[in-house]
């Protein structure tokens, strides 16, 4: 999956950006992309009385057969993903900042990155 993001590290290294920021950023990109794809490529239905939507997923593989799963997704879940995607986009925009501008690189101060909770 990370093969999708091989251009970013190469571009960053060519611009002599901080290599310590590349791997965490690629991991963040993969994480938000996977979460986004789970929402976009699922089937949805109203979850009666819960105030949430019901996300369905089905897979068919020779090894595992046909599988179904579902989960309740609230507007807060979707907003949290949107916020996480915005944080990753901000990190991309500030990847070549000389210091921790705007606090977008919390791990440089020993803090936990979003999603590593």
Foldseek 3Di string as FASTA:
>chain_A
DLVVVPVVLVVCVVVVFDNVLPVVLSVLVVVLVVVVCQVVVWDWAPDPPPQWIKTKDWDADPVPGIDIDIDTHHVVNVVVSVVSVVLSVVCSVCRRPPDCPPVSCVVVVVDDDPPRD
